[in-house]
Amino acid sequence: MPVAESLQDLPYAAYLQPHPDGEPLSHDGNYTEVHFDGVVFEGGEATSAKFIESALTGVGLAEVGLERARFSEVWLSRNRWVGVRLADAEWLDVTVLDSALAGVQAYSSRLRRVRFRGCKIDTLNLRGATLAEVVFEDCELNELDCAGAALTSVTFPGSAIRNARFSQVKCKKVDFRGARELDVADGADSLRGAIIDERQLMELGPALAVALGIQVR
């Protein structure tokens, strides 16, 4: 999936219109071909909102409710999201660059053809989510929670995964080999179908021993 490096690289860049200053996000809002630039949204509910062929640059979201929202062909750069609620949201053909996410609740969400690059992601809740063709490139992933999620063709090139939870996860073509770190706090025994390298096997050894009840003396 090619990555647009700048706003001008987007195929819909010429059609983008600025989001009106001071206008809050709204429930069931339709944000098609909208450019959000440097705005901050604190609190509020924008459940079931639709973001289609839009761009968010330098946007801050804090404790915003975006449950059941839809993001399709959306480009995000230098965003900061804290405590955003994205349960049951749908992400399709989305790029997230150089952004920080903390405490984002995205359980039961659906992500397809999504790329995160150069992002710092803390305590992302993806429990029960469905991810397909998702790339975490050069990211810092701290306390990622994928318990009960279904992961298909998910890769982590250049990323550090720390204190992750994978209990009851379903993996298909999940490739950890490019990850710089792979630290699993829970669910190492659920990674059936994932691909790791020899170094990562050594890193996972203690977690696997605990999960399988193996005593090392």
N, C-alpha and C. Protein backbone atom coordinates (compact mmCIF):
# COMPACT_ATOMS: atom_id res chain seq x y z
N MET A 1 0.85 -1.19 0.00
CA MET A 1 0.00 0.00 0.00
C MET A 1 0.89 1.24 0.00
N PRO A 2 0.86 2.06 -1.07
CA PRO A 2 1.71 3.24 -1.13
C PRO A 2 1.29 4.26 -0.07
N VAL A 3 2.29 4.98 0.44
CA VAL A 3 2.03 5.95 1.50
C VAL A 3 2.18 7.36 0.96
N ALA A 4 1.16 8.19 1.17
CA ALA A 4 1.26 9.60 0.82
C ALA A 4 2.13 10.29 1.86
N GLU A 5 3.21 10.90 1.40
CA GLU A 5 4.15 11.52 2.33
C GLU A 5 3.72 12.92 2.77
N SER A 6 2.88 13.56 1.98
CA SER A 6 2.43 14.91 2.30
C SER A 6 0.99 15.08 1.86
N LEU A 7 0.38 16.15 2.32
CA LEU A 7 -1.01 16.43 1.97
C LEU A 7 -1.18 16.52 0.46
N GLN A 8 -0.20 17.11 -0.20
CA GLN A 8 -0.30 17.30 -1.64
C GLN A 8 -0.28 15.99 -2.42
N ASP A 9 0.20 14.93 -1.79
CA ASP A 9 0.26 13.63 -2.47
C ASP A 9 -1.09 12.91 -2.50
N LEU A 10 -2.06 13.41 -1.78
CA LEU A 10 -3.35 12.73 -1.71
C LEU A 10 -4.12 12.92 -3.01
N PRO A 11 -4.74 11.88 -3.54
CA PRO A 11 -5.48 12.02 -4.80
C PRO A 11 -6.67 12.96 -4.71
N TYR A 12 -7.13 13.21 -3.48
CA TYR A 12 -8.27 14.11 -3.29
C TYR A 12 -7.86 15.45 -2.69
N ALA A 13 -6.56 15.76 -2.70
CA ALA A 13 -6.06 16.99 -2.06
C ALA A 13 -6.73 18.25 -2.60
N ALA A 14 -6.95 18.30 -3.90
CA ALA A 14 -7.51 19.50 -4.52
C ALA A 14 -8.95 19.77 -4.09
N TYR A 15 -9.61 18.75 -3.54
CA TYR A 15 -11.02 18.90 -3.18
C TYR A 15 -11.24 19.18 -1.70
N LEU A 16 -10.17 19.17 -0.92
CA LEU A 16 -10.30 19.35 0.52
C LEU A 16 -10.73 20.78 0.87
N GLN A 17 -11.67 20.87 1.81
CA GLN A 17 -12.14 22.15 2.31
C GLN A 17 -11.85 22.24 3.81
N PRO A 18 -11.43 23.40 4.31
CA PRO A 18 -11.09 23.51 5.73
C PRO A 18 -12.32 23.35 6.63
N HIS A 19 -12.11 22.69 7.75
CA HIS A 19 -13.18 22.58 8.74
C HIS A 19 -13.39 23.94 9.38
N PRO A 20 -14.63 24.39 9.49
CA PRO A 20 -14.90 25.73 10.06
C PRO A 20 -14.34 25.87 11.48
N ASP A 21 -13.70 26.99 11.74
CA ASP A 21 -13.13 27.26 13.06
C ASP A 21 -14.21 27.22 14.14
N GLY A 22 -13.89 26.54 15.23
CA GLY A 22 -14.78 26.52 16.38
C GLY A 22 -15.96 25.59 16.28
N GLU A 23 -16.14 24.93 15.15
CA GLU A 23 -17.29 24.03 15.00
C GLU A 23 -16.95 22.67 15.58
N PRO A 24 -17.73 22.19 16.56
CA PRO A 24 -17.42 20.89 17.17
C PRO A 24 -17.79 19.74 16.25
N LEU A 25 -17.24 18.58 16.55
CA LEU A 25 -17.66 17.37 15.86
C LEU A 25 -19.06 17.00 16.33
N SER A 26 -19.84 16.41 15.45
CA SER A 26 -21.23 16.12 15.81
C SER A 26 -21.58 14.66 15.59
N HIS A 27 -22.57 14.21 16.33
CA HIS A 27 -23.10 12.86 16.16
C HIS A 27 -23.59 12.67 14.73
N ASP A 28 -23.19 11.58 14.11
CA ASP A 28 -23.60 11.25 12.75
C ASP A 28 -23.15 12.29 11.73
N GLY A 29 -22.13 13.07 12.07
CA GLY A 29 -21.64 14.08 11.15
C GLY A 29 -21.01 13.47 9.91
N ASN A 30 -21.14 14.16 8.79
CA ASN A 30 -20.57 13.70 7.52
C ASN A 30 -19.42 14.63 7.15
N TYR A 31 -18.20 14.11 7.27
CA TYR A 31 -17.00 14.90 6.99
C TYR A 31 -16.31 14.32 5.76
N THR A 32 -16.84 14.67 4.61
CA THR A 32 -16.29 14.20 3.34
C THR A 32 -15.47 15.31 2.71
N GLU A 33 -14.23 14.99 2.32
CA GLU A 33 -13.31 15.95 1.70
C GLU A 33 -13.12 17.18 2.59
N VAL A 34 -12.85 16.90 3.87
CA VAL A 34 -12.63 17.96 4.85
C VAL A 34 -11.20 17.90 5.36
N HIS A 35 -10.57 19.07 5.53
CA HIS A 35 -9.22 19.14 6.09
C HIS A 35 -9.31 19.76 7.49
N PHE A 36 -9.00 18.94 8.50
CA PHE A 36 -8.90 19.42 9.88
C PHE A 36 -7.43 19.74 10.12
N ASP A 37 -7.12 21.00 10.40
CA ASP A 37 -5.72 21.40 10.54
C ASP A 37 -5.50 22.16 11.84
N GLY A 38 -4.71 21.56 12.74
CA GLY A 38 -4.32 22.25 13.96
C GLY A 38 -5.43 22.51 14.95
N VAL A 39 -6.53 21.79 14.82
CA VAL A 39 -7.66 22.01 15.73
C VAL A 39 -7.59 21.03 16.90
N VAL A 40 -8.22 21.40 18.01
CA VAL A 40 -8.27 20.56 19.20
C VAL A 40 -9.73 20.37 19.60
N PHE A 41 -10.10 19.11 19.80
CA PHE A 41 -11.45 18.79 20.26
C PHE A 41 -11.33 18.11 21.62
N GLU A 42 -12.02 18.66 22.61
CA GLU A 42 -11.98 18.10 23.96
C GLU A 42 -13.40 17.71 24.38
N GLY A 43 -13.57 16.43 24.71
CA GLY A 43 -14.88 15.95 25.08
C GLY A 43 -15.84 15.94 23.90
N GLY A 44 -17.09 15.68 24.20
CA GLY A 44 -18.10 15.69 23.14
C GLY A 44 -18.30 14.31 22.54
N GLU A 45 -19.41 14.18 21.82
CA GLU A 45 -19.79 12.92 21.21
C GLU A 45 -19.92 13.11 19.70
N ALA A 46 -19.22 12.27 18.96
CA ALA A 46 -19.34 12.27 17.50
C ALA A 46 -19.57 10.84 17.03
N THR A 47 -20.43 10.14 17.75
CA THR A 47 -20.71 8.74 17.42
C THR A 47 -21.30 8.65 16.02
N SER A 48 -20.91 7.59 15.32
CA SER A 48 -21.40 7.30 13.96
C SER A 48 -21.01 8.36 12.94
N ALA A 49 -20.05 9.22 13.27
CA ALA A 49 -19.58 10.20 12.29
C ALA A 49 -18.84 9.50 11.15
N LYS A 50 -18.85 10.14 9.98
CA LYS A 50 -18.20 9.58 8.81
C LYS A 50 -17.12 10.53 8.33
N PHE A 51 -15.89 10.01 8.22
CA PHE A 51 -14.76 10.77 7.68
C PHE A 51 -14.34 10.07 6.39
N ILE A 52 -14.58 10.71 5.27
CA ILE A 52 -14.34 10.08 3.97
C ILE A 52 -13.47 11.01 3.12
N GLU A 53 -12.38 10.48 2.59
CA GLU A 53 -11.44 11.26 1.77
C GLU A 53 -11.12 12.59 2.47
N SER A 54 -10.70 12.48 3.72
CA SER A 54 -10.39 13.65 4.52
C SER A 54 -8.97 13.57 5.07
N ALA A 55 -8.51 14.69 5.62
CA ALA A 55 -7.16 14.74 6.19
C ALA A 55 -7.21 15.44 7.54
N LEU A 56 -6.42 14.91 8.49
CA LEU A 56 -6.30 15.51 9.81
C LEU A 56 -4.82 15.75 10.08
N THR A 57 -4.43 17.02 10.16
CA THR A 57 -3.03 17.36 10.39
C THR A 57 -2.91 18.18 11.68
N GLY A 58 -2.03 17.72 12.58
CA GLY A 58 -1.82 18.43 13.83
C GLY A 58 -3.07 18.54 14.68
N VAL A 59 -3.92 17.52 14.64
CA VAL A 59 -5.19 17.55 15.36
C VAL A 59 -5.05 16.91 16.74
N GLY A 60 -5.67 17.52 17.74
CA GLY A 60 -5.70 16.95 19.08
C GLY A 60 -7.11 16.52 19.44
N LEU A 61 -7.25 15.29 19.91
CA LEU A 61 -8.53 14.78 20.39
C LEU A 61 -8.34 14.29 21.82
N ALA A 62 -9.20 14.74 22.72
CA ALA A 62 -9.11 14.32 24.12
C ALA A 62 -10.50 13.92 24.61
N GLU A 63 -10.63 12.64 25.00
CA GLU A 63 -11.87 12.13 25.56
C GLU A 63 -13.06 12.35 24.63
N VAL A 64 -12.85 12.20 23.35
CA VAL A 64 -13.93 12.36 22.36
C VAL A 64 -14.56 11.01 22.07
N GLY A 65 -15.88 10.96 22.00
CA GLY A 65 -16.59 9.73 21.69
C GLY A 65 -16.79 9.56 20.19
N LEU A 66 -16.11 8.58 19.61
CA LEU A 66 -16.24 8.30 18.17
C LEU A 66 -16.68 6.85 17.94
N GLU A 67 -17.49 6.33 18.85
CA GLU A 67 -17.98 4.97 18.68
C GLU A 67 -18.75 4.85 17.37
N ARG A 68 -18.53 3.73 16.69
CA ARG A 68 -19.20 3.40 15.43
C ARG A 68 -18.89 4.38 14.32
N ALA A 69 -17.85 5.18 14.48
CA ALA A 69 -17.45 6.10 13.41
C ALA A 69 -16.85 5.33 12.24
N ARG A 70 -16.85 5.95 11.08
CA ARG A 70 -16.28 5.34 9.88
C ARG A 70 -15.20 6.25 9.32
N PHE A 71 -14.01 5.68 9.10
CA PHE A 71 -12.90 6.40 8.49
C PHE A 71 -12.55 5.68 7.19
N SER A 72 -12.72 6.34 6.06
CA SER A 72 -12.44 5.72 4.77
C SER A 72 -11.58 6.66 3.93
N GLU A 73 -10.41 6.18 3.51
CA GLU A 73 -9.45 6.99 2.75
C GLU A 73 -9.15 8.29 3.50
N VAL A 74 -8.66 8.12 4.72
CA VAL A 74 -8.33 9.26 5.58
C VAL A 74 -6.83 9.27 5.84
N TRP A 75 -6.25 10.47 5.86
CA TRP A 75 -4.81 10.65 6.06
C TRP A 75 -4.61 11.49 7.32
N LEU A 76 -3.86 10.95 8.29
CA LEU A 76 -3.61 11.64 9.55
C LEU A 76 -2.11 11.83 9.73
N SER A 77 -1.72 13.04 10.11
CA SER A 77 -0.31 13.34 10.34
C SER A 77 -0.18 14.23 11.57
N ARG A 78 0.77 13.87 12.46
CA ARG A 78 1.10 14.66 13.65
C ARG A 78 -0.12 14.89 14.54
N ASN A 79 -0.94 13.87 14.68
CA ASN A 79 -2.10 13.95 15.57
C ASN A 79 -1.72 13.54 16.98
N ARG A 80 -2.54 13.97 17.94
CA ARG A 80 -2.38 13.54 19.33
C ARG A 80 -3.77 13.20 19.87
N TRP A 81 -3.99 11.92 20.10
CA TRP A 81 -5.29 11.45 20.58
C TRP A 81 -5.13 10.84 21.97
N VAL A 82 -5.91 11.32 22.93
CA VAL A 82 -5.85 10.82 24.30
C VAL A 82 -7.25 10.43 24.76
N GLY A 83 -7.40 9.19 25.20
CA GLY A 83 -8.68 8.75 25.74
C GLY A 83 -9.83 8.77 24.75
N VAL A 84 -9.52 8.65 23.47
CA VAL A 84 -10.57 8.66 22.45
C VAL A 84 -11.27 7.30 22.43
N ARG A 85 -12.59 7.34 22.28
CA ARG A 85 -13.39 6.12 22.29
C ARG A 85 -13.79 5.76 20.86
N LEU A 86 -13.26 4.65 20.38
CA LEU A 86 -13.47 4.23 18.99
C LEU A 86 -14.05 2.82 18.89
N ALA A 87 -14.80 2.41 19.90
CA ALA A 87 -15.38 1.07 19.86
C ALA A 87 -16.30 0.91 18.65
N ASP A 88 -16.20 -0.25 18.00
CA ASP A 88 -17.05 -0.58 16.85
C ASP A 88 -16.84 0.35 15.66
N ALA A 89 -15.73 1.07 15.63
CA ALA A 89 -15.45 1.94 14.49
C ALA A 89 -14.89 1.13 13.33
N GLU A 90 -14.97 1.71 12.13
CA GLU A 90 -14.46 1.05 10.93
C GLU A 90 -13.41 1.94 10.27
N TRP A 91 -12.23 1.35 10.05
CA TRP A 91 -11.14 2.06 9.38
C TRP A 91 -10.80 1.32 8.09
N LEU A 92 -10.85 2.02 6.97
CA LEU A 92 -10.53 1.42 5.68
C LEU A 92 -9.63 2.36 4.89
N ASP A 93 -8.47 1.87 4.46
CA ASP A 93 -7.53 2.67 3.68
C ASP A 93 -7.17 3.96 4.42
N VAL A 94 -6.62 3.80 5.61
CA VAL A 94 -6.25 4.92 6.47
C VAL A 94 -4.75 4.91 6.70
N THR A 95 -4.13 6.10 6.69
CA THR A 95 -2.71 6.25 6.99
C THR A 95 -2.55 7.17 8.19
N VAL A 96 -1.75 6.74 9.17
CA VAL A 96 -1.50 7.53 10.37
C VAL A 96 0.01 7.72 10.50
N LEU A 97 0.48 8.95 10.39
CA LEU A 97 1.91 9.24 10.39
C LEU A 97 2.30 10.09 11.60
N ASP A 98 3.43 9.75 12.22
CA ASP A 98 4.08 10.60 13.23
C ASP A 98 3.09 11.13 14.27
N SER A 99 2.27 10.25 14.79
CA SER A 99 1.22 10.65 15.73
C SER A 99 1.38 9.95 17.07
N ALA A 100 0.70 10.48 18.09
CA ALA A 100 0.74 9.89 19.43
C ALA A 100 -0.68 9.54 19.85
N LEU A 101 -0.86 8.29 20.26
CA LEU A 101 -2.16 7.81 20.74
C LEU A 101 -1.97 7.23 22.13
N ALA A 102 -2.83 7.63 23.06
CA ALA A 102 -2.73 7.13 24.43
C ALA A 102 -4.12 6.83 24.96
N GLY A 103 -4.29 5.64 25.52
CA GLY A 103 -5.56 5.28 26.13
C GLY A 103 -6.72 5.23 25.17
N VAL A 104 -6.45 4.92 23.91
CA VAL A 104 -7.52 4.84 22.91
C VAL A 104 -8.26 3.51 23.05
N GLN A 105 -9.58 3.59 23.12
CA GLN A 105 -10.43 2.41 23.27
C GLN A 105 -11.03 2.06 21.91
N ALA A 106 -10.44 1.07 21.23
CA ALA A 106 -10.89 0.69 19.89
C ALA A 106 -11.33 -0.77 19.85
N TYR A 107 -11.88 -1.24 20.96
CA TYR A 107 -12.29 -2.64 21.00
C TYR A 107 -13.45 -2.87 20.02
N SER A 108 -13.48 -4.09 19.47
CA SER A 108 -14.52 -4.50 18.51
C SER A 108 -14.53 -3.65 17.24
N SER A 109 -13.45 -2.94 16.98
CA SER A 109 -13.37 -2.14 15.76
C SER A 109 -12.86 -3.00 14.61
N ARG A 110 -12.95 -2.45 13.40
CA ARG A 110 -12.52 -3.17 12.19
C ARG A 110 -11.55 -2.28 11.43
N LEU A 111 -10.33 -2.79 11.22
CA LEU A 111 -9.31 -2.04 10.50
C LEU A 111 -8.85 -2.86 9.31
N ARG A 112 -8.90 -2.26 8.13
CA ARG A 112 -8.46 -2.94 6.91
C ARG A 112 -7.62 -1.98 6.07
N ARG A 113 -6.47 -2.44 5.65
CA ARG A 113 -5.53 -1.63 4.88
C ARG A 113 -5.24 -0.30 5.60
N VAL A 114 -4.73 -0.44 6.82
CA VAL A 114 -4.37 0.71 7.65
C VAL A 114 -2.87 0.65 7.94
N ARG A 115 -2.21 1.79 7.84
CA ARG A 115 -0.77 1.86 8.13
C ARG A 115 -0.51 2.93 9.19
N PHE A 116 0.17 2.51 10.26
CA PHE A 116 0.69 3.43 11.27
C PHE A 116 2.20 3.52 11.06
N ARG A 117 2.72 4.73 10.93
CA ARG A 117 4.17 4.86 10.75
C ARG A 117 4.72 5.96 11.65
N GLY A 118 5.78 5.61 12.38
CA GLY A 118 6.43 6.59 13.25
C GLY A 118 5.54 7.08 14.38
N CYS A 119 4.67 6.20 14.88
CA CYS A 119 3.71 6.59 15.92
C CYS A 119 4.13 6.06 17.29
N LYS A 120 3.77 6.80 18.32
CA LYS A 120 3.93 6.34 19.70
C LYS A 120 2.53 6.00 20.22
N ILE A 121 2.32 4.73 20.52
CA ILE A 121 0.98 4.24 20.86
C ILE A 121 1.03 3.57 22.22
N ASP A 122 0.33 4.15 23.19
CA ASP A 122 0.31 3.62 24.55
C ASP A 122 -1.10 3.14 24.91
N THR A 123 -1.17 1.94 25.47
CA THR A 123 -2.41 1.33 25.98
C THR A 123 -3.56 1.42 24.96
N LEU A 124 -3.28 0.91 23.77
CA LEU A 124 -4.32 0.82 22.73
C LEU A 124 -5.13 -0.45 22.96
N ASN A 125 -6.43 -0.29 23.14
CA ASN A 125 -7.33 -1.42 23.40
C ASN A 125 -7.95 -1.89 22.09
N LEU A 126 -7.48 -3.03 21.59
CA LEU A 126 -8.03 -3.64 20.38
C LEU A 126 -8.69 -4.98 20.70
N ARG A 127 -9.21 -5.12 21.89
CA ARG A 127 -9.86 -6.39 22.27
C ARG A 127 -11.03 -6.69 21.33
N GLY A 128 -11.03 -7.90 20.81
CA GLY A 128 -12.13 -8.32 19.95
C GLY A 128 -12.18 -7.62 18.62
N ALA A 129 -11.15 -6.88 18.27
CA ALA A 129 -11.13 -6.16 16.99
C ALA A 129 -10.74 -7.09 15.85
N THR A 130 -10.99 -6.65 14.63
CA THR A 130 -10.60 -7.38 13.43
C THR A 130 -9.65 -6.52 12.62
N LEU A 131 -8.42 -7.01 12.44
CA LEU A 131 -7.40 -6.27 11.69
C LEU A 131 -6.98 -7.09 10.48
N ALA A 132 -6.99 -6.48 9.30
CA ALA A 132 -6.54 -7.15 8.09
C ALA A 132 -5.68 -6.19 7.28
N GLU A 133 -4.51 -6.65 6.88
CA GLU A 133 -3.56 -5.85 6.10
C GLU A 133 -3.23 -4.55 6.83
N VAL A 134 -2.86 -4.69 8.08
CA VAL A 134 -2.50 -3.54 8.91
C VAL A 134 -0.99 -3.57 9.16
N VAL A 135 -0.35 -2.41 9.04
CA VAL A 135 1.09 -2.29 9.21
C VAL A 135 1.39 -1.30 10.33
N PHE A 136 2.20 -1.72 11.28
CA PHE A 136 2.76 -0.83 12.30
C PHE A 136 4.25 -0.69 11.97
N GLU A 137 4.63 0.42 11.37
CA GLU A 137 6.00 0.62 10.90
C GLU A 137 6.72 1.65 11.77
N ASP A 138 7.87 1.25 12.33
CA ASP A 138 8.68 2.15 13.14
C ASP A 138 7.85 2.81 14.25
N CYS A 139 7.05 2.01 14.92
CA CYS A 139 6.19 2.51 15.99
C CYS A 139 6.67 2.03 17.35
N GLU A 140 6.28 2.77 18.39
CA GLU A 140 6.48 2.34 19.77
C GLU A 140 5.11 1.89 20.29
N LEU A 141 4.96 0.60 20.55
CA LEU A 141 3.68 0.04 20.97
C LEU A 141 3.81 -0.44 22.41
N ASN A 142 3.27 0.33 23.33
CA ASN A 142 3.36 0.00 24.75
C ASN A 142 1.99 -0.44 25.28
N GLU A 143 1.95 -1.63 25.87
CA GLU A 143 0.73 -2.19 26.45
C GLU A 143 -0.39 -2.31 25.42
N LEU A 144 -0.05 -2.82 24.25
CA LEU A 144 -1.04 -3.12 23.22
C LEU A 144 -1.89 -4.30 23.69
N ASP A 145 -3.21 -4.16 23.62
CA ASP A 145 -4.12 -5.22 24.08
C ASP A 145 -4.93 -5.73 22.90
N CYS A 146 -4.58 -6.93 22.42
CA CYS A 146 -5.28 -7.56 21.30
C CYS A 146 -6.02 -8.82 21.73
N ALA A 147 -6.37 -8.92 22.99
CA ALA A 147 -7.04 -10.12 23.47
C ALA A 147 -8.32 -10.38 22.69
N GLY A 148 -8.46 -11.60 22.19
CA GLY A 148 -9.65 -11.98 21.46
C GLY A 148 -9.78 -11.38 20.08
N ALA A 149 -8.75 -10.70 19.60
CA ALA A 149 -8.81 -10.07 18.28
C ALA A 149 -8.51 -11.09 17.18
N ALA A 150 -8.90 -10.76 15.95
CA ALA A 150 -8.58 -11.56 14.77
C ALA A 150 -7.62 -10.75 13.91
N LEU A 151 -6.39 -11.25 13.76
CA LEU A 151 -5.34 -10.55 13.03
C LEU A 151 -5.00 -11.31 11.77
N THR A 152 -5.09 -10.66 10.62
CA THR A 152 -4.75 -11.26 9.34
C THR A 152 -3.81 -10.34 8.58
N SER A 153 -2.67 -10.86 8.17
CA SER A 153 -1.68 -10.09 7.40
C SER A 153 -1.32 -8.79 8.12
N VAL A 154 -0.95 -8.92 9.39
CA VAL A 154 -0.52 -7.78 10.19
C VAL A 154 0.99 -7.87 10.37
N THR A 155 1.70 -6.76 10.16
CA THR A 155 3.16 -6.74 10.26
C THR A 155 3.61 -5.58 11.15
N PHE A 156 4.86 -5.70 11.65
CA PHE A 156 5.39 -4.73 12.62
C PHE A 156 6.82 -4.32 12.27
N PRO A 157 7.13 -3.94 11.03
CA PRO A 157 8.52 -3.64 10.67
C PRO A 157 9.09 -2.46 11.46
N GLY A 158 10.22 -2.69 12.12
CA GLY A 158 10.90 -1.63 12.84
C GLY A 158 10.24 -1.18 14.12
N SER A 159 9.21 -1.88 14.56
CA SER A 159 8.46 -1.44 15.73
C SER A 159 8.92 -2.15 17.00
N ALA A 160 8.69 -1.50 18.13
CA ALA A 160 8.97 -2.09 19.44
C ALA A 160 7.64 -2.39 20.11
N ILE A 161 7.43 -3.66 20.45
CA ILE A 161 6.19 -4.11 21.08
C ILE A 161 6.51 -4.47 22.52
N ARG A 162 5.92 -3.75 23.46
CA ARG A 162 6.27 -3.96 24.87
C ARG A 162 5.01 -4.22 25.70
N ASN A 163 5.09 -5.26 26.53
CA ASN A 163 4.02 -5.58 27.48
C ASN A 163 2.68 -5.78 26.77
N ALA A 164 2.71 -6.50 25.65
CA ALA A 164 1.50 -6.72 24.85
C ALA A 164 0.69 -7.89 25.38
N ARG A 165 -0.60 -7.85 25.10
CA ARG A 165 -1.51 -8.93 25.52
C ARG A 165 -2.19 -9.52 24.28
N PHE A 166 -2.03 -10.85 24.14
CA PHE A 166 -2.56 -11.54 22.97
C PHE A 166 -3.42 -12.75 23.35
N SER A 167 -3.98 -12.77 24.54
CA SER A 167 -4.75 -13.95 24.95
C SER A 167 -5.93 -14.17 24.01
N GLN A 168 -6.10 -15.42 23.58
CA GLN A 168 -7.19 -15.86 22.71
C GLN A 168 -7.23 -15.11 21.38
N VAL A 169 -6.09 -14.61 20.94
CA VAL A 169 -6.03 -13.95 19.64
C VAL A 169 -6.01 -15.01 18.54
N LYS A 170 -6.51 -14.65 17.37
CA LYS A 170 -6.47 -15.53 16.20
C LYS A 170 -5.56 -14.89 15.17
N CYS A 171 -4.50 -15.61 14.80
CA CYS A 171 -3.48 -15.07 13.90
C CYS A 171 -3.47 -15.81 12.57
N LYS A 172 -3.38 -15.06 11.49
CA LYS A 172 -3.20 -15.61 10.16
C LYS A 172 -2.27 -14.69 9.39
N LYS A 173 -1.12 -15.21 9.00
CA LYS A 173 -0.12 -14.43 8.28
C LYS A 173 0.30 -13.19 9.07
N VAL A 174 0.39 -13.33 10.38
CA VAL A 174 0.90 -12.25 11.24
C VAL A 174 2.41 -12.41 11.34
N ASP A 175 3.15 -11.38 10.96
CA ASP A 175 4.61 -11.48 10.86
C ASP A 175 5.26 -10.49 11.82
N PHE A 176 5.89 -11.03 12.85
CA PHE A 176 6.59 -10.20 13.83
C PHE A 176 8.08 -10.03 13.49
N ARG A 177 8.56 -10.64 12.43
CA ARG A 177 10.01 -10.74 12.22
C ARG A 177 10.72 -9.40 12.11
N GLY A 178 10.07 -8.38 11.65
CA GLY A 178 10.75 -7.10 11.52
C GLY A 178 10.72 -6.25 12.78
N ALA A 179 10.04 -6.72 13.82
CA ALA A 179 9.92 -5.93 15.05
C ALA A 179 11.25 -5.84 15.79
N ARG A 180 11.57 -4.66 16.32
CA ARG A 180 12.81 -4.48 17.08
C ARG A 180 12.73 -5.16 18.44
N GLU A 181 11.55 -5.13 19.05
CA GLU A 181 11.33 -5.77 20.35
C GLU A 181 10.00 -6.51 20.30
N LEU A 182 9.93 -7.63 21.00
CA LEU A 182 8.68 -8.38 21.11
C LEU A 182 8.56 -8.88 22.54
N ASP A 183 7.84 -8.12 23.35
CA ASP A 183 7.65 -8.44 24.76
C ASP A 183 6.16 -8.70 24.98
N VAL A 184 5.83 -9.95 25.31
CA VAL A 184 4.43 -10.36 25.47
C VAL A 184 4.15 -10.62 26.94
N ALA A 185 3.21 -9.87 27.51
CA ALA A 185 2.86 -10.03 28.92
C ALA A 185 1.86 -11.15 29.13
N ASP A 186 1.04 -11.41 28.12
CA ASP A 186 -0.03 -12.40 28.29
C ASP A 186 -0.44 -12.93 26.91
N GLY A 187 -0.67 -14.25 26.82
CA GLY A 187 -1.19 -14.82 25.59
C GLY A 187 -0.14 -15.29 24.60
N ALA A 188 1.08 -15.50 25.05
CA ALA A 188 2.11 -16.00 24.12
C ALA A 188 1.70 -17.33 23.51
N ASP A 189 0.95 -18.13 24.28
CA ASP A 189 0.52 -19.44 23.78
C ASP A 189 -0.62 -19.34 22.78
N SER A 190 -1.13 -18.14 22.55
CA SER A 190 -2.22 -17.95 21.58
C SER A 190 -1.72 -17.48 20.22
N LEU A 191 -0.40 -17.36 20.06
CA LEU A 191 0.15 -16.81 18.82
C LEU A 191 0.33 -17.87 17.73
N ARG A 192 -0.45 -18.93 17.79
CA ARG A 192 -0.41 -19.94 16.74
C ARG A 192 -0.72 -19.30 15.38
N GLY A 193 0.12 -19.58 14.38
CA GLY A 193 -0.08 -19.01 13.06
C GLY A 193 0.76 -17.77 12.80
N ALA A 194 1.40 -17.22 13.85
CA ALA A 194 2.27 -16.07 13.68
C ALA A 194 3.67 -16.51 13.27
N ILE A 195 4.43 -15.59 12.69
CA ILE A 195 5.80 -15.86 12.24
C ILE A 195 6.75 -15.01 13.08
N ILE A 196 7.77 -15.66 13.66
CA ILE A 196 8.80 -14.95 14.41
C ILE A 196 10.17 -15.44 13.96
N ASP A 197 11.22 -14.70 14.33
CA ASP A 197 12.56 -15.16 14.00
C ASP A 197 13.20 -15.81 15.23
N GLU A 198 14.43 -16.29 15.08
CA GLU A 198 15.08 -17.01 16.17
C GLU A 198 15.31 -16.12 17.39
N ARG A 199 15.69 -14.87 17.16
CA ARG A 199 15.90 -13.96 18.30
C ARG A 199 14.61 -13.77 19.08
N GLN A 200 13.52 -13.60 18.37
CA GLN A 200 12.23 -13.40 19.04
C GLN A 200 11.77 -14.64 19.78
N LEU A 201 12.15 -15.81 19.26
CA LEU A 201 11.83 -17.04 19.98
C LEU A 201 12.49 -17.04 21.35
N MET A 202 13.73 -16.56 21.41
CA MET A 202 14.42 -16.46 22.69
C MET A 202 13.74 -15.44 23.60
N GLU A 203 13.29 -14.32 23.02
CA GLU A 203 12.61 -13.29 23.81
C GLU A 203 11.28 -13.82 24.38
N LEU A 204 10.60 -14.64 23.59
CA LEU A 204 9.30 -15.16 24.01
C LEU A 204 9.41 -16.35 24.95
N GLY A 205 10.61 -16.91 25.06
CA GLY A 205 10.79 -18.11 25.86
C GLY A 205 10.20 -18.04 27.26
N PRO A 206 10.53 -17.02 28.06
CA PRO A 206 9.97 -16.95 29.41
C PRO A 206 8.44 -16.86 29.42
N ALA A 207 7.87 -16.06 28.51
CA ALA A 207 6.42 -15.93 28.46
C ALA A 207 5.76 -17.24 28.06
N LEU A 208 6.38 -17.95 27.12
CA LEU A 208 5.83 -19.24 26.71
C LEU A 208 5.91 -20.26 27.85
N ALA A 209 7.02 -20.22 28.58
CA ALA A 209 7.17 -21.15 29.71
C ALA A 209 6.08 -20.93 30.75
N VAL A 210 5.81 -19.67 31.06
CA VAL A 210 4.76 -19.36 32.04
C VAL A 210 3.40 -19.79 31.52
N ALA A 211 3.11 -19.48 30.24
CA ALA A 211 1.81 -19.80 29.67
C ALA A 211 1.56 -21.30 29.60
N LEU A 212 2.61 -22.07 29.37
CA LEU A 212 2.47 -23.51 29.22
C LEU A 212 2.74 -24.27 30.52
N GLY A 213 3.04 -23.54 31.59
CA GLY A 213 3.29 -24.19 32.87
C GLY A 213 4.60 -24.94 32.93
N ILE A 214 5.57 -24.49 32.13
CA ILE A 214 6.89 -25.14 32.10
C ILE A 214 7.78 -24.52 33.18
N GLN A 215 8.40 -25.35 33.97
CA GLN A 215 9.32 -24.87 34.99
C GLN A 215 10.75 -24.95 34.46
N VAL A 216 11.44 -23.84 34.57
CA VAL A 216 12.84 -23.79 34.15
C VAL A 216 13.70 -23.71 35.41
N ARG A 217 14.55 -24.72 35.60
CA ARG A 217 15.37 -24.77 36.82
C ARG A 217 16.84 -24.89 36.47
